[in-house]
Amino acid sequence: MGLSRDSAKSHRNFIAKHKLNDLTLLVDEKGKIAKLYDADHWILPLSKRVYLIIDKKMNIIYRKDMGFGLLPNQTDALLEEIDRHTR
């Protein structure tokens, strides 16, 4: 699941363009959720790219702040972290 400040229309266009029908993108146009997870940029009206894995009890079990970059091999890296925390 992804979250960004882009509009719902922008999310729909992105999903359609890249044929990402199994992806859920949440809208956070005002950055309220980004602020809760310390993913808000301190000056610009942007959110940093922060990867989170949250367990069933809503505890953050993994957090990686990449600034504005991408997590290398993000799918594999996140799956490894999920495996590590669910053993």
C-alpha atoms as a PDB file:
ATOM      1  CA  MET A   1       0.000   0.000   0.000  1.00  0.00           C
ATOM      2  CA  GLY A   2       1.298   3.427  -0.804  1.00  0.00           C
ATOM      3  CA  LEU A   3       0.514   6.853   0.541  1.00  0.00           C
ATOM      4  CA  SER A   4       1.268  10.236  -0.979  1.00  0.00           C
ATOM      5  CA  ARG A   5       0.078  13.803  -1.154  1.00  0.00           C
ATOM      6  CA  ASP A   6      -1.085  13.377  -4.739  1.00  0.00           C
ATOM      7  CA  SER A   7      -4.808  13.625  -5.460  1.00  0.00           C
ATOM      8  CA  ALA A   8      -7.101  10.619  -5.899  1.00  0.00           C
ATOM      9  CA  LYS A   9      -7.319  11.447  -9.621  1.00  0.00           C
ATOM     10  CA  SER A  10      -3.524  11.462  -9.869  1.00  0.00           C
ATOM     11  CA  HIS A  11      -3.409   8.074  -8.109  1.00  0.00           C
ATOM     12  CA  ARG A  12      -5.986   6.601 -10.507  1.00  0.00           C
ATOM     13  CA  ASN A  13      -4.026   7.887 -13.509  1.00  0.00           C
ATOM     14  CA  PHE A  14      -0.753   6.476 -12.119  1.00  0.00           C
ATOM     15  CA  ILE A  15      -2.330   3.055 -11.473  1.00  0.00           C
ATOM     16  CA  ALA A  16      -3.875   2.982 -14.959  1.00  0.00           C
ATOM     17  CA  LYS A  17      -0.695   4.154 -16.700  1.00  0.00           C
ATOM     18  CA  HIS A  18       1.483   1.508 -15.029  1.00  0.00           C
ATOM     19  CA  LYS A  19      -1.205  -1.212 -14.900  1.00  0.00           C
ATOM     20  CA  LEU A  20      -0.821  -1.548 -11.126  1.00  0.00           C
ATOM     21  CA  ASN A  21      -4.310  -2.885 -10.491  1.00  0.00           C
ATOM     22  CA  ASP A  22      -3.288  -4.684  -7.278  1.00  0.00           C
ATOM     23  CA  LEU A  23      -1.788  -1.556  -5.713  1.00  0.00           C
ATOM     24  CA  THR A  24      -3.672   0.519  -3.164  1.00  0.00           C
ATOM     25  CA  LEU A  25      -2.642   4.169  -3.018  1.00  0.00           C
ATOM     26  CA  LEU A  26      -3.945   6.335  -0.197  1.00  0.00           C
ATOM     27  CA  VAL A  27      -4.383  10.098  -0.475  1.00  0.00           C
ATOM     28  CA  ASP A  28      -2.784  12.417   2.105  1.00  0.00           C
ATOM     29  CA  GLU A  29      -3.035  15.781   0.326  1.00  0.00           C
ATOM     30  CA  LYS A  30      -2.664  17.806   3.539  1.00  0.00           C
ATOM     31  CA  GLY A  31       0.163  15.627   4.892  1.00  0.00           C
ATOM     32  CA  LYS A  32      -1.575  14.735   8.165  1.00  0.00           C
ATOM     33  CA  ILE A  33      -0.540  11.074   8.033  1.00  0.00           C
ATOM     34  CA  ALA A  34       2.971  11.954   6.862  1.00  0.00           C
ATOM     35  CA  LYS A  35       3.353  14.147   9.951  1.00  0.00           C
ATOM     36  CA  LEU A  36       2.208  11.304  12.233  1.00  0.00           C
ATOM     37  CA  TYR A  37       4.967   9.057  10.891  1.00  0.00           C
ATOM     38  CA  ASP A  38       7.646  11.752  10.708  1.00  0.00           C
ATOM     39  CA  ALA A  39       7.693  11.603   6.925  1.00  0.00           C
ATOM     40  CA  ASP A  40       6.900  15.261   6.378  1.00  0.00           C
ATOM     41  CA  HIS A  41       9.580  17.550   4.967  1.00  0.00           C
ATOM     42  CA  TRP A  42      10.371  20.279   7.479  1.00  0.00           C
ATOM     43  CA  ILE A  43      10.093  23.147   4.950  1.00  0.00           C
ATOM     44  CA  LEU A  44       8.639  21.982   1.648  1.00  0.00           C
ATOM     45  CA  PRO A  45       5.019  20.800   1.234  1.00  0.00           C
ATOM     46  CA  LEU A  46       6.319  17.333   0.383  1.00  0.00           C
ATOM     47  CA  SER A  47       6.662  14.047   2.153  1.00  0.00           C
ATOM     48  CA  LYS A  48       9.875  12.079   2.335  1.00  0.00           C
ATOM     49  CA  ARG A  49       9.952   8.497   1.139  1.00  0.00           C
ATOM     50  CA  VAL A  50       9.635   6.482   4.333  1.00  0.00           C
ATOM     51  CA  TYR A  51       9.088   2.736   4.274  1.00  0.00           C
ATOM     52  CA  LEU A  52       7.123   1.294   7.183  1.00  0.00           C
ATOM     53  CA  ILE A  53       6.054  -2.177   8.177  1.00  0.00           C
ATOM     54  CA  ILE A  54       3.325  -2.121  10.798  1.00  0.00           C
ATOM     55  CA  ASP A  55       2.277  -5.249  12.679  1.00  0.00           C
ATOM     56  CA  LYS A  56      -1.260  -6.362  13.573  1.00  0.00           C
ATOM     57  CA  LYS A  57      -1.106  -4.414  16.843  1.00  0.00           C
ATOM     58  CA  MET A  58      -0.238  -1.231  14.886  1.00  0.00           C
ATOM     59  CA  ASN A  59       3.378  -1.204  16.111  1.00  0.00           C
ATOM     60  CA  ILE A  60       6.023  -0.017  13.681  1.00  0.00           C
ATOM     61  CA  ILE A  61       8.386  -2.964  13.335  1.00  0.00           C
ATOM     62  CA  TYR A  62      10.452  -1.528  10.484  1.00  0.00           C
ATOM     63  CA  ARG A  63      11.133   2.052   9.429  1.00  0.00           C
ATOM     64  CA  LYS A  64      13.531   3.215   6.747  1.00  0.00           C
ATOM     65  CA  ASP A  65      13.713   6.904   5.893  1.00  0.00           C
ATOM     66  CA  MET A  66      15.148   7.330   2.398  1.00  0.00           C
ATOM     67  CA  GLY A  67      14.687  11.088   2.157  1.00  0.00           C
ATOM     68  CA  PHE A  68      13.573  11.485  -1.437  1.00  0.00           C
ATOM     69  CA  GLY A  69      15.363   8.392  -2.760  1.00  0.00           C
ATOM     70  CA  LEU A  70      14.138   4.866  -3.306  1.00  0.00           C
ATOM     71  CA  LEU A  71      14.953   1.872  -1.155  1.00  0.00           C
ATOM     72  CA  PRO A  72      17.260  -0.309  -3.285  1.00  0.00           C
ATOM     73  CA  ASN A  73      15.507  -3.514  -4.354  1.00  0.00           C
ATOM     74  CA  GLN A  74      12.506  -2.305  -2.394  1.00  0.00           C
ATOM     75  CA  THR A  75      10.253  -5.326  -2.890  1.00  0.00           C
ATOM     76  CA  ASP A  76      12.922  -7.841  -1.904  1.00  0.00           C
ATOM     77  CA  ALA A  77      14.155  -5.672   0.977  1.00  0.00           C
ATOM     78  CA  LEU A  78      10.661  -5.274   2.419  1.00  0.00           C
ATOM     79  CA  LEU A  79       9.807  -8.952   2.006  1.00  0.00           C
ATOM     80  CA  GLU A  80      13.037  -9.891   3.813  1.00  0.00           C
ATOM     81  CA  GLU A  81      12.106  -7.582   6.691  1.00  0.00           C
ATOM     82  CA  ILE A  82       8.602  -9.047   6.870  1.00  0.00           C
ATOM     83  CA  ASP A  83      10.072 -12.562   6.945  1.00  0.00           C
ATOM     84  CA  ARG A  84      12.560 -11.525   9.641  1.00  0.00           C
ATOM     85  CA  HIS A  85       9.802 -10.143  11.878  1.00  0.00           C
ATOM     86  CA  THR A  86       7.350 -13.003  11.395  1.00  0.00           C
ATOM     87  CA  ARG A  87       9.638 -15.948  12.175  1.00  0.00           C
END
